[in-house]
PDB file of N, CA and C in Angstrom:
ATOM      1  N   MET A   1      59.597 -83.529  31.236  1.00  0.00           N
ATOM      2  CA  MET A   1      59.823 -82.146  30.780  1.00  0.00           C
ATOM      3  C   MET A   1      61.290 -81.841  30.278  1.00  0.00           C
ATOM      4  N   PRO A   2      61.365 -81.142  29.133  1.00  0.00           N
ATOM      5  CA  PRO A   2      62.528 -80.728  28.696  1.00  0.00           C
ATOM      6  C   PRO A   2      63.154 -79.894  29.439  1.00  0.00           C
ATOM      7  N   ARG A   3      64.338 -79.819  29.334  1.00  0.00           N
ATOM      8  CA  ARG A   3      65.440 -79.069  30.193  1.00  0.00           C
ATOM      9  C   ARG A   3      66.458 -78.218  29.306  1.00  0.00           C
ATOM     10  N   THR A   4      65.778 -77.572  28.167  1.00  0.00           N
ATOM     11  CA  THR A   4      66.375 -77.096  27.176  1.00  0.00           C
ATOM     12  C   THR A   4      66.893 -75.400  27.621  1.00  0.00           C
ATOM     13  N   HIS A   5      67.534 -74.871  26.772  1.00  0.00           N
ATOM     14  CA  HIS A   5      67.829 -73.508  27.241  1.00  0.00           C
ATOM     15  C   HIS A   5      68.870 -73.539  28.210  1.00  0.00           C
ATOM     16  N   SER A   6      69.937 -74.257  27.947  1.00  0.00           N
ATOM     17  CA  SER A   6      71.054 -74.484  29.086  1.00  0.00           C
ATOM     18  C   SER A   6      70.520 -74.866  30.654  1.00  0.00           C
ATOM     19  N   GLY A   7      69.595 -75.608  30.464  1.00  0.00           N
ATOM     20  CA  GLY A   7      68.608 -75.989  31.841  1.00  0.00           C
ATOM     21  C   GLY A   7      67.887 -74.914  32.665  1.00  0.00           C
ATOM     22  N   LEU A   8      67.754 -73.984  31.688  1.00  0.00           N
ATOM     23  CA  LEU A   8      66.964 -72.774  32.486  1.00  0.00           C
ATOM     24  C   LEU A   8      65.468 -72.574  32.130  1.00  0.00           C
ATOM     25  N   LEU A   9      64.995 -73.343  31.471  1.00  0.00           N
ATOM     26  CA  LEU A   9      63.554 -73.391  30.777  1.00  0.00           C
ATOM     27  C   LEU A   9      62.383 -73.434  32.216  1.00  0.00           C
ATOM     28  N   VAL A  10      62.695 -74.548  32.938  1.00  0.00           N
ATOM     29  CA  VAL A  10      61.770 -74.401  34.042  1.00  0.00           C
ATOM     30  C   VAL A  10      61.876 -73.216  35.148  1.00  0.00           C
ATOM     31  N   PRO A  11      63.191 -72.956  35.321  1.00  0.00           N
ATOM     32  CA  PRO A  11      63.231 -71.734  36.317  1.00  0.00           C
ATOM     33  C   PRO A  11      62.642 -70.431  35.783  1.00  0.00           C
ATOM     34  N   LEU A  12      62.821 -70.516  34.441  1.00  0.00           N
ATOM     35  CA  LEU A  12      62.675 -69.359  33.879  1.00  0.00           C
ATOM     36  C   LEU A  12      61.292 -68.824  33.898  1.00  0.00           C
ATOM     37  N   ARG A  13      60.486 -69.984  33.724  1.00  0.00           N
ATOM     38  CA  ARG A  13      59.009 -70.118  33.174  1.00  0.00           C
ATOM     39  C   ARG A  13      58.617 -69.520  34.800  1.00  0.00           C
ATOM     40  N   LEU A  14      58.929 -70.318  35.584  1.00  0.00           N
ATOM     41  CA  LEU A  14      58.363 -70.277  37.255  1.00  0.00           C
ATOM     42  C   LEU A  14      58.712 -68.506  37.634  1.00  0.00           C
ATOM     43  N   ALA A  15      59.770 -67.919  37.131  1.00  0.00           N
ATOM     44  CA  ALA A  15      60.122 -66.903  37.669  1.00  0.00           C
ATOM     45  C   ALA A  15      59.150 -65.523  37.056  1.00  0.00           C
ATOM     46  N   LEU A  16      58.739 -66.097  35.761  1.00  0.00           N
ATOM     47  CA  LEU A  16      57.610 -65.168  35.161  1.00  0.00           C
ATOM     48  C   LEU A  16      56.401 -65.418  35.563  1.00  0.00           C
ATOM     49  N   ARG A  17      56.156 -66.666  36.012  1.00  0.00           N
ATOM     50  CA  ARG A  17      54.795 -66.887  36.629  1.00  0.00           C
ATOM     51  C   ARG A  17      54.621 -66.400  37.995  1.00  0.00           C
ATOM     52  N   LYS A  18      55.641 -66.040  38.807  1.00  0.00           N
ATOM     53  CA  LYS A  18      55.570 -65.445  39.931  1.00  0.00           C
ATOM     54  C   LYS A  18      55.952 -63.643  40.019  1.00  0.00           C
ATOM     55  N   ASN A  19      56.362 -63.346  38.822  1.00  0.00           N
ATOM     56  CA  ASN A  19      56.437 -62.110  38.576  1.00  0.00           C
ATOM     57  C   ASN A  19      57.661 -61.422  39.055  1.00  0.00           C
ATOM     58  N   HIS A  20      58.839 -62.274  39.225  1.00  0.00           N
ATOM     59  CA  HIS A  20      60.129 -61.696  39.690  1.00  0.00           C
ATOM     60  C   HIS A  20      60.996 -61.468  38.701  1.00  0.00           C
ATOM     61  N   THR A  21      60.730 -60.290  38.360  1.00  0.00           N
ATOM     62  CA  THR A  21      61.706 -59.589  37.364  1.00  0.00           C
ATOM     63  C   THR A  21      63.277 -59.774  37.733  1.00  0.00           C
ATOM     64  N   ALA A  22      63.595 -59.563  38.700  1.00  0.00           N
ATOM     65  CA  ALA A  22      65.070 -59.418  39.096  1.00  0.00           C
ATOM     66  C   ALA A  22      65.700 -61.104  38.846  1.00  0.00           C
ATOM     67  N   ILE A  23      64.673 -62.250  38.921  1.00  0.00           N
ATOM     68  CA  ILE A  23      65.145 -63.524  38.718  1.00  0.00           C
ATOM     69  C   ILE A  23      65.347 -63.736  37.634  1.00  0.00           C
ATOM     70  N   VAL A  24      64.354 -63.406  36.592  1.00  0.00           N
ATOM     71  CA  VAL A  24      64.264 -63.391  35.133  1.00  0.00           C
ATOM     72  C   VAL A  24      65.579 -63.021  34.587  1.00  0.00           C
ATOM     73  N   CYS A  25      66.028 -61.759  35.216  1.00  0.00           N
ATOM     74  CA  CYS A  25      67.087 -60.894  34.638  1.00  0.00           C
ATOM     75  C   CYS A  25      68.294 -61.772  34.712  1.00  0.00           C
ATOM     76  N   THR A  26      68.311 -62.270  36.029  1.00  0.00           N
ATOM     77  CA  THR A  26      69.690 -63.032  36.075  1.00  0.00           C
ATOM     78  C   THR A  26      69.718 -64.411  35.336  1.00  0.00           C
ATOM     79  N   LEU A  27      68.566 -64.937  35.150  1.00  0.00           N
ATOM     80  CA  LEU A  27      68.509 -66.264  34.407  1.00  0.00           C
ATOM     81  C   LEU A  27      68.809 -66.023  32.987  1.00  0.00           C
ATOM     82  N   LEU A  28      68.286 -64.699  32.558  1.00  0.00           N
ATOM     83  CA  LEU A  28      68.634 -64.241  31.189  1.00  0.00           C
ATOM     84  C   LEU A  28      70.244 -63.804  31.045  1.00  0.00           C
ATOM     85  N   GLU A  29      70.767 -63.400  32.045  1.00  0.00           N
ATOM     86  CA  GLU A  29      72.291 -62.849  32.028  1.00  0.00           C
ATOM     87  C   GLU A  29      72.880 -64.276  32.098  1.00  0.00           C
ATOM     88  N   HIS A  30      72.425 -65.409  32.393  1.00  0.00           N
ATOM     89  CA  HIS A  30      73.206 -66.553  32.771  1.00  0.00           C
ATOM     90  C   HIS A  30      72.786 -67.557  31.824  1.00  0.00           C
ATOM     91  N   GLY A  31      72.425 -67.298  30.569  1.00  0.00           N
ATOM     92  CA  GLY A  31      72.256 -68.135  29.422  1.00  0.00           C
ATOM     93  C   GLY A  31      71.058 -68.383  29.036  1.00  0.00           C
ATOM     94  N   ALA A  32      69.849 -67.917  29.621  1.00  0.00           N
ATOM     95  CA  ALA A  32      68.463 -68.466  29.098  1.00  0.00           C
ATOM     96  C   ALA A  32      68.030 -68.031  28.039  1.00  0.00           C
ATOM     97  N   LYS A  33      67.500 -68.344  26.977  1.00  0.00           N
ATOM     98  CA  LYS A  33      67.123 -68.121  25.815  1.00  0.00           C
ATOM     99  C   LYS A  33      65.706 -67.819  25.904  1.00  0.00           C
ATOM    100  N   VAL A  34      65.501 -66.975  25.019  1.00  0.00           N
ATOM    101  CA  VAL A  34      64.002 -66.764  24.757  1.00  0.00           C
ATOM    102  C   VAL A  34      63.637 -66.439  23.293  1.00  0.00           C
ATOM    103  N   GLU A  35      64.305 -66.915  22.235  1.00  0.00           N
ATOM    104  CA  GLU A  35      64.015 -66.937  20.883  1.00  0.00           C
ATOM    105  C   GLU A  35      63.054 -67.892  20.351  1.00  0.00           C
ATOM    106  N   GLY A  36      62.155 -67.823  19.417  1.00  0.00           N
ATOM    107  CA  GLY A  36      61.517 -68.774  18.870  1.00  0.00           C
ATOM    108  C   GLY A  36      60.207 -68.884  19.865  1.00  0.00           C
ATOM    109  N   SER A  37      59.526 -69.885  19.454  1.00  0.00           N
ATOM    110  CA  SER A  37      57.901 -69.984  20.244  1.00  0.00           C
ATOM    111  C   SER A  37      58.173 -70.103  21.669  1.00  0.00           C
ATOM    112  N   PHE A  38      58.932 -70.485  22.298  1.00  0.00           N
ATOM    113  CA  PHE A  38      58.945 -70.518  23.840  1.00  0.00           C
ATOM    114  C   PHE A  38      59.269 -68.903  23.969  1.00  0.00           C
ATOM    115  N   GLY A  39      60.031 -68.345  23.484  1.00  0.00           N
ATOM    116  CA  GLY A  39      59.890 -66.722  24.028  1.00  0.00           C
ATOM    117  C   GLY A  39      58.741 -66.377  23.585  1.00  0.00           C
ATOM    118  N   ASP A  40      58.018 -66.411  22.719  1.00  0.00           N
ATOM    119  CA  ASP A  40      56.526 -66.097  22.424  1.00  0.00           C
ATOM    120  C   ASP A  40      55.616 -66.216  23.471  1.00  0.00           C
ATOM    121  N   LYS A  41      55.665 -67.543  24.157  1.00  0.00           N
ATOM    122  CA  LYS A  41      54.996 -68.038  25.040  1.00  0.00           C
ATOM    123  C   LYS A  41      55.246 -67.170  26.514  1.00  0.00           C
ATOM    124  N   LEU A  42      56.546 -67.141  26.695  1.00  0.00           N
ATOM    125  CA  LEU A  42      57.243 -66.084  28.014  1.00  0.00           C
ATOM    126  C   LEU A  42      56.636 -64.672  27.780  1.00  0.00           C
ATOM    127  N   LEU A  43      56.638 -64.288  26.478  1.00  0.00           N
ATOM    128  CA  LEU A  43      56.043 -62.952  26.244  1.00  0.00           C
ATOM    129  C   LEU A  43      54.654 -62.469  26.564  1.00  0.00           C
ATOM    130  N   LEU A  44      53.832 -63.566  26.190  1.00  0.00           N
ATOM    131  CA  LEU A  44      52.371 -63.821  26.440  1.00  0.00           C
ATOM    132  C   LEU A  44      52.304 -63.874  28.185  1.00  0.00           C
ATOM    133  N   LEU A  45      53.036 -64.638  28.749  1.00  0.00           N
ATOM    134  CA  LEU A  45      52.632 -64.908  30.172  1.00  0.00           C
ATOM    135  C   LEU A  45      53.342 -63.385  30.866  1.00  0.00           C
ATOM    136  N   ALA A  46      54.353 -62.472  30.459  1.00  0.00           N
ATOM    137  CA  ALA A  46      54.590 -61.329  31.025  1.00  0.00           C
ATOM    138  C   ALA A  46      53.511 -60.544  30.649  1.00  0.00           C
ATOM    139  N   PHE A  47      52.834 -60.378  29.646  1.00  0.00           N
ATOM    140  CA  PHE A  47      51.666 -59.512  29.321  1.00  0.00           C
ATOM    141  C   PHE A  47      50.547 -59.989  30.224  1.00  0.00           C
ATOM    142  N   ARG A  48      50.281 -61.160  30.307  1.00  0.00           N
ATOM    143  CA  ARG A  48      49.329 -61.608  31.183  1.00  0.00           C
ATOM    144  C   ARG A  48      49.412 -61.005  32.644  1.00  0.00           C
ATOM    145  N   LYS A  49      50.689 -60.937  33.127  1.00  0.00           N
ATOM    146  CA  LYS A  49      50.926 -60.683  34.447  1.00  0.00           C
ATOM    147  C   LYS A  49      50.975 -58.818  34.496  1.00  0.00           C
ATOM    148  N   GLU A  50      50.541 -58.235  33.268  1.00  0.00           N
ATOM    149  CA  GLU A  50      50.892 -56.973  33.261  1.00  0.00           C
ATOM    150  C   GLU A  50      51.994 -56.205  33.567  1.00  0.00           C
ATOM    151  N   ASN A  51      53.050 -57.014  33.349  1.00  0.00           N
ATOM    152  CA  ASN A  51      54.472 -56.674  33.619  1.00  0.00           C
ATOM    153  C   ASN A  51      55.244 -56.180  32.422  1.00  0.00           C
ATOM    154  N   ALA A  52      55.085 -54.682  32.167  1.00  0.00           N
ATOM    155  CA  ALA A  52      55.855 -54.114  31.192  1.00  0.00           C
ATOM    156  C   ALA A  52      57.309 -54.210  31.167  1.00  0.00           C
ATOM    157  N   GLU A  53      57.753 -54.128  32.173  1.00  0.00           N
ATOM    158  CA  GLU A  53      59.155 -54.463  32.657  1.00  0.00           C
ATOM    159  C   GLU A  53      59.625 -55.716  31.834  1.00  0.00           C
ATOM    160  N   LEU A  54      59.014 -56.654  32.196  1.00  0.00           N
ATOM    161  CA  LEU A  54      59.403 -58.162  31.761  1.00  0.00           C
ATOM    162  C   LEU A  54      58.975 -58.053  30.316  1.00  0.00           C
ATOM    163  N   VAL A  55      58.147 -57.494  29.804  1.00  0.00           N
ATOM    164  CA  VAL A  55      57.995 -57.610  28.381  1.00  0.00           C
ATOM    165  C   VAL A  55      58.916 -57.058  27.478  1.00  0.00           C
ATOM    166  N   ARG A  56      59.426 -55.991  28.080  1.00  0.00           N
ATOM    167  CA  ARG A  56      60.471 -55.057  27.395  1.00  0.00           C
ATOM    168  C   ARG A  56      61.849 -56.082  27.410  1.00  0.00           C
ATOM    169  N   LEU A  57      61.919 -56.557  28.708  1.00  0.00           N
ATOM    170  CA  LEU A  57      63.254 -57.299  28.855  1.00  0.00           C
ATOM    171  C   LEU A  57      63.175 -58.466  27.703  1.00  0.00           C
ATOM    172  N   LEU A  58      62.312 -59.349  27.715  1.00  0.00           N
ATOM    173  CA  LEU A  58      62.064 -60.345  26.741  1.00  0.00           C
ATOM    174  C   LEU A  58      62.325 -59.954  25.481  1.00  0.00           C
ATOM    175  N   MET A  59      61.648 -58.896  24.978  1.00  0.00           N
ATOM    176  CA  MET A  59      61.733 -58.629  23.851  1.00  0.00           C
ATOM    177  C   MET A  59      63.158 -58.203  23.275  1.00  0.00           C
ATOM    178  N   LYS A  60      63.650 -57.347  24.317  1.00  0.00           N
ATOM    179  CA  LYS A  60      65.186 -57.179  24.324  1.00  0.00           C
ATOM    180  C   LYS A  60      66.094 -58.318  23.938  1.00  0.00           C
ATOM    181  N   ARG A  61      65.750 -59.492  24.547  1.00  0.00           N
ATOM    182  CA  ARG A  61      66.619 -60.680  24.298  1.00  0.00           C
ATOM    183  C   ARG A  61      66.289 -61.428  23.464  1.00  0.00           C
ATOM    184  N   GLY A  62      65.222 -61.178  22.512  1.00  0.00           N
ATOM    185  CA  GLY A  62      64.662 -61.915  21.341  1.00  0.00           C
ATOM    186  C   GLY A  62      63.374 -62.374  21.234  1.00  0.00           C
ATOM    187  N   ALA A  63      62.527 -62.478  22.363  1.00  0.00           N
ATOM    188  CA  ALA A  63      61.052 -62.805  22.032  1.00  0.00           C
ATOM    189  C   ALA A  63      60.469 -61.761  21.126  1.00  0.00           C
ATOM    190  N   SER A  64      59.811 -62.481  20.178  1.00  0.00           N
ATOM    191  CA  SER A  64      59.149 -61.771  19.188  1.00  0.00           C
ATOM    192  C   SER A  64      57.612 -61.568  19.197  1.00  0.00           C
ATOM    193  N   LEU A  65      57.115 -60.642  18.762  1.00  0.00           N
ATOM    194  CA  LEU A  65      55.656 -60.299  18.626  1.00  0.00           C
ATOM    195  C   LEU A  65      55.118 -60.882  16.919  1.00  0.00           C
ATOM    196  N   ASP A  66      56.012 -61.675  16.364  1.00  0.00           N
ATOM    197  CA  ASP A  66      55.720 -62.228  15.251  1.00  0.00           C
ATOM    198  C   ASP A  66      54.595 -63.013  15.250  1.00  0.00           C
ATOM    199  N   LYS A  67      54.362 -63.936  16.105  1.00  0.00           N
ATOM    200  CA  LYS A  67      53.470 -64.995  16.032  1.00  0.00           C
ATOM    201  C   LYS A  67      52.372 -64.726  17.086  1.00  0.00           C
ATOM    202  N   VAL A  68      52.385 -63.468  17.777  1.00  0.00           N
ATOM    203  CA  VAL A  68      51.381 -63.296  18.646  1.00  0.00           C
ATOM    204  C   VAL A  68      50.148 -62.839  18.041  1.00  0.00           C
ATOM    205  N   ALA A  69      48.980 -62.969  18.420  1.00  0.00           N
ATOM    206  CA  ALA A  69      47.797 -62.595  17.784  1.00  0.00           C
ATOM    207  C   ALA A  69      47.830 -60.789  17.749  1.00  0.00           C
ATOM    208  N   PRO A  70      47.344 -60.383  16.498  1.00  0.00           N
ATOM    209  CA  PRO A  70      47.389 -58.938  16.254  1.00  0.00           C
ATOM    210  C   PRO A  70      46.962 -58.067  17.408  1.00  0.00           C
ATOM    211  N   TRP A  71      45.779 -58.376  17.983  1.00  0.00           N
ATOM    212  CA  TRP A  71      45.288 -57.519  19.060  1.00  0.00           C
ATOM    213  C   TRP A  71      46.064 -57.578  20.300  1.00  0.00           C
ATOM    214  N   VAL A  72      46.888 -58.690  20.635  1.00  0.00           N
ATOM    215  CA  VAL A  72      47.616 -58.782  21.899  1.00  0.00           C
ATOM    216  C   VAL A  72      48.976 -58.193  21.592  1.00  0.00           C
ATOM    217  N   ALA A  73      49.454 -58.200  20.210  1.00  0.00           N
ATOM    218  CA  ALA A  73      50.681 -57.547  20.152  1.00  0.00           C
ATOM    219  C   ALA A  73      50.510 -55.981  20.313  1.00  0.00           C
ATOM    220  N   SER A  74      49.022 -55.708  19.784  1.00  0.00           N
ATOM    221  CA  SER A  74      48.922 -54.143  19.844  1.00  0.00           C
ATOM    222  C   SER A  74      48.878 -53.667  21.425  1.00  0.00           C
ATOM    223  N   ARG A  75      48.025 -54.502  22.223  1.00  0.00           N
ATOM    224  CA  ARG A  75      48.026 -54.321  23.621  1.00  0.00           C
ATOM    225  C   ARG A  75      49.529 -54.476  24.472  1.00  0.00           C
ATOM    226  N   LEU A  76      50.289 -55.328  23.845  1.00  0.00           N
ATOM    227  CA  LEU A  76      51.472 -55.368  24.534  1.00  0.00           C
ATOM    228  C   LEU A  76      52.470 -54.011  24.375  1.00  0.00           C
ATOM    229  N   VAL A  77      52.216 -53.644  22.974  1.00  0.00           N
ATOM    230  CA  VAL A  77      53.136 -52.527  22.678  1.00  0.00           C
ATOM    231  C   VAL A  77      52.601 -51.141  23.602  1.00  0.00           C
ATOM    232  N   GLN A  78      51.382 -51.337  23.586  1.00  0.00           N
ATOM    233  CA  GLN A  78      50.833 -50.003  24.461  1.00  0.00           C
ATOM    234  C   GLN A  78      51.124 -50.108  25.708  1.00  0.00           C
ATOM    235  N   SER A  79      51.300 -51.398  26.284  1.00  0.00           N
ATOM    236  CA  SER A  79      51.550 -51.281  27.890  1.00  0.00           C
ATOM    237  C   SER A  79      53.002 -51.121  27.858  1.00  0.00           C
ATOM    238  N   VAL A  80      53.865 -51.447  27.056  1.00  0.00           N
ATOM    239  CA  VAL A  80      55.444 -51.095  27.116  1.00  0.00           C
ATOM    240  C   VAL A  80      55.442 -49.479  26.998  1.00  0.00           C
ATOM    241  N   VAL A  81      54.753 -48.937  25.989  1.00  0.00           N
ATOM    242  CA  VAL A  81      55.053 -47.502  25.974  1.00  0.00           C
ATOM    243  C   VAL A  81      54.440 -46.716  27.085  1.00  0.00           C
ATOM    244  N   ARG A  82      53.447 -47.317  27.851  1.00  0.00           N
ATOM    245  CA  ARG A  82      52.759 -46.424  28.774  1.00  0.00           C
ATOM    246  C   ARG A  82      53.675 -46.794  29.836  1.00  0.00           C
ATOM    247  N   ALA A  83      54.542 -47.747  30.340  1.00  0.00           N
ATOM    248  CA  ALA A  83      55.554 -48.020  31.332  1.00  0.00           C
ATOM    249  C   ALA A  83      56.621 -47.311  30.865  1.00  0.00           C
ATOM    250  N   SER A  84      56.957 -47.122  29.806  1.00  0.00           N
ATOM    251  CA  SER A  84      58.160 -46.219  29.453  1.00  0.00           C
ATOM    252  C   SER A  84      58.001 -44.752  29.773  1.00  0.00           C
ATOM    253  N   ALA A  85      56.870 -44.505  29.495  1.00  0.00           N
ATOM    254  CA  ALA A  85      56.366 -42.986  30.062  1.00  0.00           C
ATOM    255  C   ALA A  85      56.363 -42.729  31.375  1.00  0.00           C
ATOM    256  N   ARG A  86      56.418 -43.369  32.117  1.00  0.00           N
ATOM    257  CA  ARG A  86      56.169 -43.675  33.588  1.00  0.00           C
ATOM    258  C   ARG A  86      57.635 -43.349  34.075  1.00  0.00           C
ATOM    259  N   VAL A  87      58.633 -43.834  33.536  1.00  0.00           N
ATOM    260  CA  VAL A  87      59.986 -43.877  33.962  1.00  0.00           C
ATOM    261  C   VAL A  87      60.885 -42.296  33.668  1.00  0.00           C
TER     262      VAL A  87
END
């Protein structure tokens, strides 16, 4: 298993899978990168967990909707907008 992105690849993915927003935030603050296809996969994982806060956080850090299927991208944006309205 590759340990790229400052050795934080595995912990970041696990934190996302467990829906631990605070841990994801801490890992990103300490150098975990979410650009490129890895970030796109993480974005999809956050979407599947229905965690709009994680979706926003990953997009703010560089994850992109560019390679995500259009119907998924549309639902991601809708979920972020709904979550923002609740804040």
